[in-house]
PDB file of all heavy atoms in Angstrom:
ATOM      1  N   ALA A   1      -7.728  -7.302   0.445  1.00  0.00           N
ATOM      2  CA  ALA A   1      -8.713  -6.188   0.635  1.00  0.00           C
ATOM      3  C   ALA A   1      -9.141  -5.654  -0.631  1.00  0.00           C
ATOM      4  O   ALA A   1     -10.361  -5.216  -0.849  1.00  0.00           O
ATOM      5  CB  ALA A   1      -8.275  -5.110   1.606  1.00  0.00           C
ATOM      6  N   ARG A   2      -8.259  -5.447  -1.642  1.00  0.00           N
ATOM      7  CA  ARG A   2      -8.690  -4.825  -2.861  1.00  0.00           C
ATOM      8  C   ARG A   2      -9.494  -5.650  -3.776  1.00  0.00           C
ATOM      9  O   ARG A   2      -9.989  -5.261  -4.877  1.00  0.00           O
ATOM     10  CB  ARG A   2      -7.415  -4.343  -3.635  1.00  0.00           C
ATOM     11  CG  ARG A   2      -6.662  -3.174  -2.809  1.00  0.00           C
ATOM     12  CD  ARG A   2      -5.598  -2.545  -3.715  1.00  0.00           C
ATOM     13  NE  ARG A   2      -4.962  -1.467  -3.123  1.00  0.00           N
ATOM     14  CZ  ARG A   2      -4.096  -0.663  -3.472  1.00  0.00           C
ATOM     15  NH1 ARG A   2      -3.722  -0.755  -4.757  1.00  0.00           N
ATOM     16  NH2 ARG A   2      -3.589   0.382  -2.860  1.00  0.00           N
ATOM     17  N   ASP A   3      -9.730  -6.946  -3.381  1.00  0.00           N
ATOM     18  CA  ASP A   3     -10.587  -7.816  -4.157  1.00  0.00           C
ATOM     19  C   ASP A   3     -12.115  -7.482  -3.745  1.00  0.00           C
ATOM     20  O   ASP A   3     -12.957  -7.996  -4.533  1.00  0.00           O
ATOM     21  CB  ASP A   3     -10.329  -9.279  -3.833  1.00  0.00           C
ATOM     22  CG  ASP A   3      -8.964  -9.752  -4.360  1.00  0.00           C
ATOM     23  OD1 ASP A   3      -8.453  -9.125  -5.270  1.00  0.00           O
ATOM     24  OD2 ASP A   3      -8.404 -10.663  -3.745  1.00  0.00           O
ATOM     25  N   PHE A   4     -12.332  -6.662  -2.762  1.00  0.00           N
ATOM     26  CA  PHE A   4     -13.683  -6.315  -2.320  1.00  0.00           C
ATOM     27  C   PHE A   4     -14.068  -5.064  -3.102  1.00  0.00           C
ATOM     28  O   PHE A   4     -13.321  -4.365  -3.788  1.00  0.00           O
ATOM     29  CB  PHE A   4     -13.704  -6.052  -0.830  1.00  0.00           C
ATOM     30  CG  PHE A   4     -13.570  -7.326   0.083  1.00  0.00           C
ATOM     31  CD1 PHE A   4     -12.414  -7.980   0.007  1.00  0.00           C
ATOM     32  CD2 PHE A   4     -14.703  -7.685   0.707  1.00  0.00           C
ATOM     33  CE1 PHE A   4     -12.290  -9.204   0.847  1.00  0.00           C
ATOM     34  CE2 PHE A   4     -14.655  -8.794   1.540  1.00  0.00           C
ATOM     35  CZ  PHE A   4     -13.445  -9.547   1.597  1.00  0.00           C
ATOM     36  N   ASP A   5     -15.397  -4.774  -3.170  1.00  0.00           N
ATOM     37  CA  ASP A   5     -15.916  -3.618  -3.780  1.00  0.00           C
ATOM     38  C   ASP A   5     -15.715  -2.412  -2.813  1.00  0.00           C
ATOM     39  O   ASP A   5     -16.509  -2.246  -1.874  1.00  0.00           O
ATOM     40  CB  ASP A   5     -17.553  -3.905  -4.009  1.00  0.00           C
ATOM     41  CG  ASP A   5     -18.108  -2.710  -4.823  1.00  0.00           C
ATOM     42  OD1 ASP A   5     -17.261  -1.777  -5.286  1.00  0.00           O
ATOM     43  OD2 ASP A   5     -19.286  -2.587  -4.940  1.00  0.00           O
ATOM     44  N   LEU A   6     -14.769  -1.593  -3.118  1.00  0.00           N
ATOM     45  CA  LEU A   6     -14.241  -0.548  -2.265  1.00  0.00           C
ATOM     46  C   LEU A   6     -14.525   0.771  -2.891  1.00  0.00           C
ATOM     47  O   LEU A   6     -14.332   0.971  -4.153  1.00  0.00           O
ATOM     48  CB  LEU A   6     -12.744  -0.744  -1.932  1.00  0.00           C
ATOM     49  CG  LEU A   6     -12.232  -1.967  -1.356  1.00  0.00           C
ATOM     50  CD1 LEU A   6     -10.777  -1.955  -1.281  1.00  0.00           C
ATOM     51  CD2 LEU A   6     -12.943  -2.339  -0.036  1.00  0.00           C
ATOM     52  N   PRO A   7     -14.786   1.920  -2.067  1.00  0.00           N
ATOM     53  CA  PRO A   7     -14.709   3.266  -2.567  1.00  0.00           C
ATOM     54  C   PRO A   7     -13.194   3.506  -2.990  1.00  0.00           C
ATOM     55  O   PRO A   7     -12.323   2.954  -2.455  1.00  0.00           O
ATOM     56  CB  PRO A   7     -15.109   4.094  -1.375  1.00  0.00           C
ATOM     57  CG  PRO A   7     -15.789   3.134  -0.446  1.00  0.00           C
ATOM     58  CD  PRO A   7     -15.136   1.742  -0.691  1.00  0.00           C
ATOM     59  N   PHE A   8     -13.113   4.491  -3.950  1.00  0.00           N
ATOM     60  CA  PHE A   8     -11.775   4.786  -4.429  1.00  0.00           C
ATOM     61  C   PHE A   8     -10.868   5.254  -3.232  1.00  0.00           C
ATOM     62  O   PHE A   8      -9.753   4.847  -3.114  1.00  0.00           O
ATOM     63  CB  PHE A   8     -11.851   5.936  -5.412  1.00  0.00           C
ATOM     64  CG  PHE A   8     -10.560   6.646  -5.689  1.00  0.00           C
ATOM     65  CD1 PHE A   8      -9.579   6.083  -6.403  1.00  0.00           C
ATOM     66  CD2 PHE A   8     -10.439   7.973  -5.210  1.00  0.00           C
ATOM     67  CE1 PHE A   8      -8.392   6.692  -6.700  1.00  0.00           C
ATOM     68  CE2 PHE A   8      -9.225   8.582  -5.392  1.00  0.00           C
ATOM     69  CZ  PHE A   8      -8.192   7.983  -6.210  1.00  0.00           C
ATOM     70  N   ILE A   9     -11.483   6.130  -2.321  1.00  0.00           N
ATOM     71  CA  ILE A   9     -10.548   6.683  -1.317  1.00  0.00           C
ATOM     72  C   ILE A   9     -10.161   5.580  -0.374  1.00  0.00           C
ATOM     73  O   ILE A   9      -8.965   5.687   0.195  1.00  0.00           O
ATOM     74  CB  ILE A   9     -11.233   7.797  -0.559  1.00  0.00           C
ATOM     75  CG1 ILE A   9     -10.344   8.682   0.163  1.00  0.00           C
ATOM     76  CG2 ILE A   9     -12.342   7.350   0.309  1.00  0.00           C
ATOM     77  CD1 ILE A   9      -9.368   9.420  -0.819  1.00  0.00           C
ATOM     78  N   THR A  10     -10.920   4.589  -0.148  1.00  0.00           N
ATOM     79  CA  THR A  10     -10.486   3.396   0.568  1.00  0.00           C
ATOM     80  C   THR A  10      -9.409   2.685   0.110  1.00  0.00           C
ATOM     81  O   THR A  10      -8.382   2.362   0.809  1.00  0.00           O
ATOM     82  CB  THR A  10     -11.761   2.488   0.924  1.00  0.00           C
ATOM     83  OG1 THR A  10     -12.816   3.219   1.443  1.00  0.00           O
ATOM     84  CG2 THR A  10     -11.339   1.322   1.757  1.00  0.00           C
ATOM     85  N   GLU A  11      -9.311   2.530  -1.168  1.00  0.00           N
ATOM     86  CA  GLU A  11      -8.144   2.008  -1.859  1.00  0.00           C
ATOM     87  C   GLU A  11      -6.878   2.855  -1.709  1.00  0.00           C
ATOM     88  O   GLU A  11      -5.857   2.297  -1.337  1.00  0.00           O
ATOM     89  CB  GLU A  11      -8.351   1.853  -3.349  1.00  0.00           C
ATOM     90  CG  GLU A  11      -9.549   0.852  -3.642  1.00  0.00           C
ATOM     91  CD  GLU A  11      -9.544   0.517  -5.102  1.00  0.00           C
ATOM     92  OE1 GLU A  11      -8.501   0.563  -5.813  1.00  0.00           O
ATOM     93  OE2 GLU A  11     -10.624   0.160  -5.661  1.00  0.00           O
ATOM     94  N   VAL A  12      -7.021   4.098  -1.759  1.00  0.00           N
ATOM     95  CA  VAL A  12      -5.834   4.977  -1.437  1.00  0.00           C
ATOM     96  C   VAL A  12      -5.350   4.848  -0.031  1.00  0.00           C
ATOM     97  O   VAL A  12      -4.144   4.733   0.196  1.00  0.00           O
ATOM     98  CB  VAL A  12      -6.261   6.415  -1.832  1.00  0.00           C
ATOM     99  CG1 VAL A  12      -5.110   7.365  -1.497  1.00  0.00           C
ATOM    100  CG2 VAL A  12      -6.614   6.581  -3.229  1.00  0.00           C
ATOM    101  N   VAL A  13      -6.215   4.763   0.881  1.00  0.00           N
ATOM    102  CA  VAL A  13      -5.924   4.724   2.337  1.00  0.00           C
ATOM    103  C   VAL A  13      -5.266   3.300   2.543  1.00  0.00           C
ATOM    104  O   VAL A  13      -4.206   3.245   3.233  1.00  0.00           O
ATOM    105  CB  VAL A  13      -7.146   4.766   3.185  1.00  0.00           C
ATOM    106  CG1 VAL A  13      -6.747   4.573   4.685  1.00  0.00           C
ATOM    107  CG2 VAL A  13      -7.704   6.227   3.065  1.00  0.00           C
ATOM    108  N   LEU A  14      -5.735   2.320   1.936  1.00  0.00           N
ATOM    109  CA  LEU A  14      -5.173   0.988   2.140  1.00  0.00           C
ATOM    110  C   LEU A  14      -3.663   0.940   1.710  1.00  0.00           C
ATOM    111  O   LEU A  14      -2.801   0.313   2.326  1.00  0.00           O
ATOM    112  CB  LEU A  14      -6.010  -0.060   1.410  1.00  0.00           C
ATOM    113  CG  LEU A  14      -7.266  -0.515   1.961  1.00  0.00           C
ATOM    114  CD1 LEU A  14      -8.044  -1.407   0.976  1.00  0.00           C
ATOM    115  CD2 LEU A  14      -7.038  -1.265   3.310  1.00  0.00           C
ATOM    116  N   ALA A  15      -3.493   1.684   0.611  1.00  0.00           N
ATOM    117  CA  ALA A  15      -2.025   1.697   0.085  1.00  0.00           C
ATOM    118  C   ALA A  15      -1.210   2.379   1.112  1.00  0.00           C
ATOM    119  O   ALA A  15       0.049   1.946   1.311  1.00  0.00           O
ATOM    120  CB  ALA A  15      -1.948   2.444  -1.230  1.00  0.00           C
ATOM    121  N   GLU A  16      -1.653   3.376   1.735  1.00  0.00           N
ATOM    122  CA  GLU A  16      -0.871   4.223   2.779  1.00  0.00           C
ATOM    123  C   GLU A  16      -0.658   3.274   3.969  1.00  0.00           C
ATOM    124  O   GLU A  16       0.563   3.272   4.522  1.00  0.00           O
ATOM    125  CB  GLU A  16      -1.640   5.426   3.181  1.00  0.00           C
ATOM    126  CG  GLU A  16      -1.697   6.516   2.215  1.00  0.00           C
ATOM    127  CD  GLU A  16      -0.308   7.146   1.989  1.00  0.00           C
ATOM    128  OE1 GLU A  16       0.500   7.171   2.965  1.00  0.00           O
ATOM    129  OE2 GLU A  16      -0.033   7.795   0.942  1.00  0.00           O
ATOM    130  N   ILE A  17      -1.642   2.532   4.344  1.00  0.00           N
ATOM    131  CA  ILE A  17      -1.420   1.562   5.465  1.00  0.00           C
ATOM    132  C   ILE A  17      -0.602   0.515   5.223  1.00  0.00           C
ATOM    133  O   ILE A  17       0.399   0.223   6.106  1.00  0.00           O
ATOM    134  CB  ILE A  17      -2.836   0.998   5.899  1.00  0.00           C
ATOM    135  CG1 ILE A  17      -3.859   2.107   6.254  1.00  0.00           C
ATOM    136  CG2 ILE A  17      -2.714  -0.016   7.010  1.00  0.00           C
ATOM    137  CD1 ILE A  17      -3.322   2.930   7.458  1.00  0.00           C
ATOM    138  N   ALA A  18      -0.608  -0.075   4.014  1.00  0.00           N
ATOM    139  CA  ALA A  18       0.399  -1.037   3.602  1.00  0.00           C
ATOM    140  C   ALA A  18       1.894  -0.626   3.651  1.00  0.00           C
ATOM    141  O   ALA A  18       2.807  -1.357   4.029  1.00  0.00           O
ATOM    142  CB  ALA A  18       0.033  -1.670   2.285  1.00  0.00           C
ATOM    143  N   ALA A  19       1.912   0.705   3.169  1.00  0.00           N
ATOM    144  CA  ALA A  19       3.405   1.258   3.268  1.00  0.00           C
ATOM    145  C   ALA A  19       3.878   1.495   4.629  1.00  0.00           C
ATOM    146  O   ALA A  19       5.050   1.729   4.744  1.00  0.00           O
ATOM    147  CB  ALA A  19       3.291   2.534   2.423  1.00  0.00           C
ATOM    148  N   ARG A  20       3.123   1.487   5.639  1.00  0.00           N
ATOM    149  CA  ARG A  20       3.468   1.909   6.927  1.00  0.00           C
ATOM    150  C   ARG A  20       3.557   0.647   7.843  1.00  0.00           C
ATOM    151  O   ARG A  20       3.664   0.877   9.181  1.00  0.00           O
ATOM    152  CB  ARG A  20       2.543   2.870   7.538  1.00  0.00           C
ATOM    153  CG  ARG A  20       2.549   4.273   6.855  1.00  0.00           C
ATOM    154  CD  ARG A  20       1.804   5.307   7.751  1.00  0.00           C
ATOM    155  NE  ARG A  20       2.356   5.357   9.090  1.00  0.00           N
ATOM    156  CZ  ARG A  20       3.501   5.789   9.415  1.00  0.00           C
ATOM    157  NH1 ARG A  20       4.320   6.398   8.514  1.00  0.00           N
ATOM    158  NH2 ARG A  20       3.912   5.790  10.688  1.00  0.00           N
ATOM    159  N   LEU A  21       3.409  -0.574   7.319  1.00  0.00           N
ATOM    160  CA  LEU A  21       3.295  -1.681   8.228  1.00  0.00           C
ATOM    161  C   LEU A  21       4.690  -1.839   9.097  1.00  0.00           C
ATOM    162  O   LEU A  21       4.596  -2.376  10.214  1.00  0.00           O
ATOM    163  CB  LEU A  21       3.136  -2.945   7.457  1.00  0.00           C
ATOM    164  CG  LEU A  21       1.757  -3.214   6.845  1.00  0.00           C
ATOM    165  CD1 LEU A  21       1.632  -4.376   5.937  1.00  0.00           C
ATOM    166  CD2 LEU A  21       0.608  -3.274   7.995  1.00  0.00           C
ATOM    167  N   ASP A  22       5.756  -1.494   8.446  1.00  0.00           N
ATOM    168  CA  ASP A  22       7.074  -1.665   9.322  1.00  0.00           C
ATOM    169  C   ASP A  22       7.305  -0.513  10.284  1.00  0.00           C
ATOM    170  O   ASP A  22       8.351  -0.527  10.870  1.00  0.00           O
ATOM    171  CB  ASP A  22       8.149  -1.712   8.223  1.00  0.00           C
ATOM    172  CG  ASP A  22       8.150  -3.016   7.425  1.00  0.00           C
ATOM    173  OD1 ASP A  22       7.552  -3.992   7.944  1.00  0.00           O
ATOM    174  OD2 ASP A  22       8.636  -3.036   6.291  1.00  0.00           O
ATOM    175  N   ASP A  23       6.423   0.513  10.299  1.00  0.00           N
ATOM    176  CA  ASP A  23       6.619   1.718  11.154  1.00  0.00           C
ATOM    177  C   ASP A  23       5.412   1.785  12.034  1.00  0.00           C
ATOM    178  O   ASP A  23       4.371   2.352  11.653  1.00  0.00           O
ATOM    179  CB  ASP A  23       6.793   2.943  10.292  1.00  0.00           C
ATOM    180  CG  ASP A  23       7.181   4.189  11.116  1.00  0.00           C
ATOM    181  OD1 ASP A  23       7.155   4.034  12.362  1.00  0.00           O
ATOM    182  OD2 ASP A  23       7.337   5.258  10.634  1.00  0.00           O
ATOM    183  N   PRO A  24       5.419   1.431  13.323  1.00  0.00           N
ATOM    184  CA  PRO A  24       4.253   1.469  14.217  1.00  0.00           C
ATOM    185  C   PRO A  24       3.960   2.858  14.752  1.00  0.00           C
ATOM    186  O   PRO A  24       2.958   3.097  15.328  1.00  0.00           O
ATOM    187  CB  PRO A  24       4.711   0.437  15.296  1.00  0.00           C
ATOM    188  CG  PRO A  24       6.129   0.483  15.345  1.00  0.00           C
ATOM    189  CD  PRO A  24       6.640   0.653  13.927  1.00  0.00           C
ATOM    190  N   GLY A  25       4.922   3.776  14.526  1.00  0.00           N
ATOM    191  CA  GLY A  25       4.764   5.094  15.040  1.00  0.00           C
ATOM    192  C   GLY A  25       3.798   5.931  14.268  1.00  0.00           C
ATOM    193  O   GLY A  25       3.539   5.610  13.052  1.00  0.00           O
ATOM    194  N   PRO A  26       3.310   7.057  14.734  1.00  0.00           N
ATOM    195  CA  PRO A  26       2.445   7.960  13.848  1.00  0.00           C
ATOM    196  C   PRO A  26       3.237   8.653  12.825  1.00  0.00           C
ATOM    197  O   PRO A  26       4.400   8.841  12.882  1.00  0.00           O
ATOM    198  CB  PRO A  26       1.899   8.947  14.945  1.00  0.00           C
ATOM    199  CG  PRO A  26       2.986   9.021  15.919  1.00  0.00           C
ATOM    200  CD  PRO A  26       3.522   7.574  16.069  1.00  0.00           C
TER     201      PRO A  26
END
């Protein structure tokens, strides 16, 4: 995903999502 032209905040959110892949809970 980071190879695409992304807004800065989208990159930050993607990092958060990647860090939570092993935890399906909120």
